[in-house]
Amino acid sequence: MSTSEVACTYAALILHDDGIPITGEKIATLCKAANVTVDSFWPGLFAKLLEKRSVEDLITNVGSGGGGAVASLRLIYPNGILRKLTLYSVSWGAN
């Protein structure tokens, strides 16, 4: 997975967690605020996907597989708000 894809994934999760509608512009804004350079087509592509599929559906239907590692990501928004996002590494099973 590329840096652009990972950054867009985290941005979409943050927007979803805050109850903010997920748009390409908002994903790009979060990536820019995190000083991550993202290929211009990724934010819109992620937003388009999430118009058709819910974030909960994508998270809960990741497939079967073994456990994985847990990592924490600390984000500081431009307004100084600190946010901690816990990420779970998931093994993708064959479905």
N, C-alpha and C. Protein backbone atom coordinates (compact mmCIF):
# COMPACT_ATOMS: atom_id res chain seq x y z
N MET A 1 0.85 -1.17 0.00
CA MET A 1 0.00 0.00 0.00
C MET A 1 0.90 1.23 0.00
N SER A 2 0.58 2.21 -0.84
CA SER A 2 1.39 3.42 -0.94
C SER A 2 1.11 4.38 0.22
N THR A 3 2.00 5.33 0.40
CA THR A 3 1.81 6.36 1.43
C THR A 3 0.52 7.13 1.18
N SER A 4 0.22 7.41 -0.07
CA SER A 4 -1.01 8.13 -0.41
C SER A 4 -2.25 7.34 0.02
N GLU A 5 -2.24 6.04 -0.23
CA GLU A 5 -3.38 5.21 0.14
C GLU A 5 -3.55 5.16 1.66
N VAL A 6 -2.45 5.00 2.37
CA VAL A 6 -2.51 4.93 3.84
C VAL A 6 -3.00 6.25 4.40
N ALA A 7 -2.48 7.36 3.90
CA ALA A 7 -2.90 8.68 4.38
C ALA A 7 -4.38 8.91 4.14
N CYS A 8 -4.88 8.53 2.97
CA CYS A 8 -6.30 8.69 2.66
C CYS A 8 -7.17 7.78 3.53
N THR A 9 -6.67 6.59 3.83
CA THR A 9 -7.40 5.68 4.70
C THR A 9 -7.54 6.28 6.10
N TYR A 10 -6.43 6.78 6.66
CA TYR A 10 -6.48 7.38 7.98
C TYR A 10 -7.38 8.61 7.99
N ALA A 11 -7.29 9.43 6.95
CA ALA A 11 -8.12 10.64 6.88
C ALA A 11 -9.60 10.27 6.84
N ALA A 12 -9.95 9.26 6.05
CA ALA A 12 -11.34 8.82 5.97
C ALA A 12 -11.83 8.29 7.32
N LEU A 13 -10.97 7.54 8.02
CA LEU A 13 -11.35 7.03 9.34
C LEU A 13 -11.56 8.16 10.34
N ILE A 14 -10.71 9.18 10.28
CA ILE A 14 -10.85 10.32 11.19
C ILE A 14 -12.14 11.06 10.91
N LEU A 15 -12.43 11.32 9.64
CA LEU A 15 -13.67 12.00 9.29
C LEU A 15 -14.88 11.20 9.74
N HIS A 16 -14.85 9.90 9.50
CA HIS A 16 -15.95 9.03 9.91
C HIS A 16 -16.13 9.05 11.43
N ASP A 17 -15.02 8.95 12.16
CA ASP A 17 -15.07 8.93 13.62
C ASP A 17 -15.66 10.22 14.18
N ASP A 18 -15.41 11.34 13.49
CA ASP A 18 -15.94 12.63 13.93
C ASP A 18 -17.35 12.90 13.40
N GLY A 19 -17.89 11.98 12.60
CA GLY A 19 -19.23 12.16 12.05
C GLY A 19 -19.29 13.21 10.95
N ILE A 20 -18.18 13.45 10.29
CA ILE A 20 -18.10 14.44 9.22
C ILE A 20 -18.25 13.71 7.89
N PRO A 21 -19.08 14.22 6.97
CA PRO A 21 -19.20 13.57 5.67
C PRO A 21 -17.83 13.47 4.98
N ILE A 22 -17.58 12.32 4.39
CA ILE A 22 -16.29 12.06 3.76
C ILE A 22 -16.32 12.52 2.31
N THR A 23 -15.51 13.53 2.01
CA THR A 23 -15.39 14.03 0.64
C THR A 23 -13.92 14.04 0.25
N GLY A 24 -13.67 14.08 -1.03
CA GLY A 24 -12.29 14.14 -1.51
C GLY A 24 -11.57 15.38 -1.00
N GLU A 25 -12.28 16.49 -0.96
CA GLU A 25 -11.68 17.74 -0.49
C GLU A 25 -11.28 17.65 0.98
N LYS A 26 -12.13 17.06 1.79
CA LYS A 26 -11.82 16.94 3.23
C LYS A 26 -10.68 15.95 3.47
N ILE A 27 -10.63 14.87 2.69
CA ILE A 27 -9.52 13.93 2.81
C ILE A 27 -8.22 14.62 2.45
N ALA A 28 -8.23 15.36 1.34
CA ALA A 28 -7.03 16.08 0.90
C ALA A 28 -6.60 17.12 1.93
N THR A 29 -7.56 17.80 2.55
CA THR A 29 -7.25 18.81 3.57
C THR A 29 -6.57 18.18 4.78
N LEU A 30 -7.08 17.04 5.24
CA LEU A 30 -6.45 16.35 6.38
C LEU A 30 -5.05 15.88 6.04
N CYS A 31 -4.87 15.36 4.85
CA CYS A 31 -3.54 14.89 4.43
C CYS A 31 -2.56 16.06 4.37
N LYS A 32 -3.02 17.19 3.85
CA LYS A 32 -2.17 18.37 3.76
C LYS A 32 -1.82 18.87 5.17
N ALA A 33 -2.79 18.84 6.08
CA ALA A 33 -2.55 19.28 7.46
C ALA A 33 -1.54 18.38 8.16
N ALA A 34 -1.47 17.11 7.73
CA ALA A 34 -0.51 16.16 8.31
C ALA A 34 0.83 16.19 7.58
N ASN A 35 0.97 17.12 6.64
CA ASN A 35 2.20 17.26 5.84
C ASN A 35 2.53 15.98 5.06
N VAL A 36 1.49 15.35 4.52
CA VAL A 36 1.67 14.16 3.70
C VAL A 36 1.31 14.52 2.26
N THR A 37 2.24 14.27 1.35
CA THR A 37 1.98 14.52 -0.06
C THR A 37 1.20 13.33 -0.62
N VAL A 38 0.05 13.62 -1.19
CA VAL A 38 -0.84 12.58 -1.69
C VAL A 38 -1.06 12.80 -3.19
N ASP A 39 -0.97 11.72 -3.96
CA ASP A 39 -1.29 11.82 -5.38
C ASP A 39 -2.72 12.35 -5.51
N SER A 40 -2.93 13.27 -6.43
CA SER A 40 -4.18 14.03 -6.50
C SER A 40 -5.43 13.19 -6.72
N PHE A 41 -5.30 12.02 -7.31
CA PHE A 41 -6.49 11.22 -7.59
C PHE A 41 -6.98 10.40 -6.40
N TRP A 42 -6.13 10.15 -5.40
CA TRP A 42 -6.52 9.28 -4.28
C TRP A 42 -7.68 9.81 -3.44
N PRO A 43 -7.67 11.08 -2.99
CA PRO A 43 -8.78 11.53 -2.14
C PRO A 43 -10.15 11.36 -2.79
N GLY A 44 -10.27 11.71 -4.06
CA GLY A 44 -11.55 11.56 -4.76
C GLY A 44 -11.94 10.11 -4.93
N LEU A 45 -10.96 9.25 -5.17
CA LEU A 45 -11.22 7.82 -5.33
C LEU A 45 -11.75 7.22 -4.02
N PHE A 46 -11.13 7.58 -2.91
CA PHE A 46 -11.60 7.09 -1.61
C PHE A 46 -13.00 7.61 -1.30
N ALA A 47 -13.23 8.90 -1.58
CA ALA A 47 -14.55 9.49 -1.32
C ALA A 47 -15.62 8.79 -2.16
N LYS A 48 -15.30 8.51 -3.41
CA LYS A 48 -16.26 7.84 -4.30
C LYS A 48 -16.60 6.44 -3.78
N LEU A 49 -15.58 5.71 -3.32
CA LEU A 49 -15.80 4.38 -2.76
C LEU A 49 -16.72 4.47 -1.54
N LEU A 50 -16.46 5.44 -0.68
CA LEU A 50 -17.21 5.52 0.58
C LEU A 50 -18.61 6.12 0.39
N GLU A 51 -18.93 6.59 -0.81
CA GLU A 51 -20.32 6.96 -1.12
C GLU A 51 -21.16 5.69 -1.27
N LYS A 52 -20.54 4.63 -1.75
CA LYS A 52 -21.25 3.40 -2.04
C LYS A 52 -21.16 2.35 -0.93
N ARG A 53 -20.11 2.40 -0.12
CA ARG A 53 -19.91 1.44 0.96
C ARG A 53 -19.73 2.18 2.27
N SER A 54 -20.33 1.68 3.33
CA SER A 54 -20.17 2.33 4.62
C SER A 54 -18.83 1.93 5.24
N VAL A 55 -18.27 2.82 6.04
CA VAL A 55 -17.01 2.55 6.71
C VAL A 55 -17.17 1.35 7.64
N GLU A 56 -18.29 1.28 8.36
CA GLU A 56 -18.53 0.15 9.27
C GLU A 56 -18.51 -1.16 8.51
N ASP A 57 -19.11 -1.18 7.33
CA ASP A 57 -19.15 -2.40 6.53
C ASP A 57 -17.74 -2.83 6.12
N LEU A 58 -16.93 -1.88 5.72
CA LEU A 58 -15.57 -2.20 5.31
C LEU A 58 -14.71 -2.68 6.47
N ILE A 59 -14.94 -2.12 7.66
CA ILE A 59 -14.17 -2.51 8.83
C ILE A 59 -14.58 -3.89 9.33
N THR A 60 -15.87 -4.14 9.39
CA THR A 60 -16.34 -5.40 9.98
C THR A 60 -16.24 -6.58 9.03
N ASN A 61 -16.11 -6.34 7.74
CA ASN A 61 -16.05 -7.44 6.77
C ASN A 61 -14.68 -7.54 6.13
N VAL A 62 -13.65 -7.52 6.94
CA VAL A 62 -12.29 -7.57 6.40
C VAL A 62 -11.85 -8.99 6.09
N GLY A 63 -12.64 -9.96 6.39
CA GLY A 63 -12.27 -11.35 6.09
C GLY A 63 -11.75 -12.04 7.33
N SER A 64 -11.48 -13.31 7.17
CA SER A 64 -10.97 -14.09 8.30
C SER A 64 -9.46 -14.13 8.23
N GLY A 65 -8.86 -14.44 9.32
CA GLY A 65 -7.41 -14.54 9.35
C GLY A 65 -6.91 -14.45 10.77
N GLY A 66 -5.62 -14.57 10.92
CA GLY A 66 -5.01 -14.51 12.23
C GLY A 66 -4.98 -13.10 12.77
N GLY A 67 -4.62 -12.98 14.01
CA GLY A 67 -4.52 -11.68 14.65
C GLY A 67 -3.35 -10.90 14.11
N GLY A 68 -3.28 -9.67 14.49
CA GLY A 68 -2.20 -8.83 13.99
C GLY A 68 -1.72 -7.88 15.05
N ALA A 69 -0.88 -6.98 14.67
CA ALA A 69 -0.30 -6.02 15.60
C ALA A 69 -1.23 -4.82 15.80
N VAL A 70 -1.03 -4.14 16.90
CA VAL A 70 -1.79 -2.93 17.20
C VAL A 70 -0.80 -1.78 17.27
N ALA A 71 -1.16 -0.67 16.65
CA ALA A 71 -0.30 0.51 16.68
C ALA A 71 -1.15 1.72 16.99
N SER A 72 -0.54 2.73 17.57
CA SER A 72 -1.26 3.97 17.85
C SER A 72 -0.64 5.09 17.02
N LEU A 73 -1.49 5.96 16.54
CA LEU A 73 -1.07 7.11 15.76
C LEU A 73 -1.57 8.35 16.48
N ARG A 74 -0.67 9.25 16.79
CA ARG A 74 -1.06 10.49 17.45
C ARG A 74 -1.09 11.59 16.40
N LEU A 75 -2.22 12.25 16.28
CA LEU A 75 -2.39 13.30 15.29
C LEU A 75 -2.62 14.62 16.00
N ILE A 76 -1.99 15.66 15.50
CA ILE A 76 -2.23 16.99 16.04
C ILE A 76 -2.83 17.81 14.91
N TYR A 77 -4.04 18.25 15.11
CA TYR A 77 -4.73 19.07 14.12
C TYR A 77 -4.15 20.48 14.13
N PRO A 78 -4.37 21.25 13.04
CA PRO A 78 -3.86 22.62 12.98
C PRO A 78 -4.31 23.50 14.15
N ASN A 79 -5.48 23.22 14.70
CA ASN A 79 -5.98 24.02 15.82
C ASN A 79 -5.42 23.56 17.17
N GLY A 80 -4.47 22.62 17.15
CA GLY A 80 -3.79 22.19 18.37
C GLY A 80 -4.44 21.02 19.08
N ILE A 81 -5.55 20.52 18.58
CA ILE A 81 -6.23 19.39 19.22
C ILE A 81 -5.43 18.12 18.95
N LEU A 82 -5.15 17.39 20.01
CA LEU A 82 -4.40 16.14 19.90
C LEU A 82 -5.39 14.99 19.82
N ARG A 83 -5.14 14.05 18.95
CA ARG A 83 -6.05 12.94 18.75
C ARG A 83 -5.25 11.65 18.66
N LYS A 84 -5.70 10.60 19.28
CA LYS A 84 -5.02 9.31 19.21
C LYS A 84 -5.92 8.34 18.45
N LEU A 85 -5.37 7.70 17.45
CA LEU A 85 -6.09 6.74 16.64
C LEU A 85 -5.38 5.40 16.78
N THR A 86 -6.10 4.38 17.24
CA THR A 86 -5.50 3.06 17.37
C THR A 86 -5.79 2.26 16.12
N LEU A 87 -4.76 1.69 15.56
CA LEU A 87 -4.88 0.95 14.31
C LEU A 87 -4.62 -0.52 14.57
N TYR A 88 -5.35 -1.35 13.91
CA TYR A 88 -5.18 -2.79 14.05
C TYR A 88 -4.75 -3.34 12.70
N SER A 89 -3.67 -4.08 12.71
CA SER A 89 -3.22 -4.76 11.50
C SER A 89 -4.01 -6.04 11.37
N VAL A 90 -4.62 -6.26 10.21
CA VAL A 90 -5.49 -7.40 10.02
C VAL A 90 -4.92 -8.29 8.91
N SER A 91 -4.93 -9.57 9.14
CA SER A 91 -4.54 -10.51 8.10
C SER A 91 -5.75 -10.75 7.21
N TRP A 92 -5.58 -10.58 5.92
CA TRP A 92 -6.67 -10.75 4.98
C TRP A 92 -6.79 -12.22 4.62
N GLY A 93 -7.96 -12.79 4.83
CA GLY A 93 -8.18 -14.19 4.48
C GLY A 93 -8.78 -14.31 3.08
N ALA A 94 -8.72 -15.48 2.54
CA ALA A 94 -9.32 -15.73 1.22
C ALA A 94 -10.81 -15.94 1.41
N ASN A 95 -11.59 -15.16 0.70
CA ASN A 95 -13.06 -15.29 0.76
C ASN A 95 -13.58 -15.72 -0.56
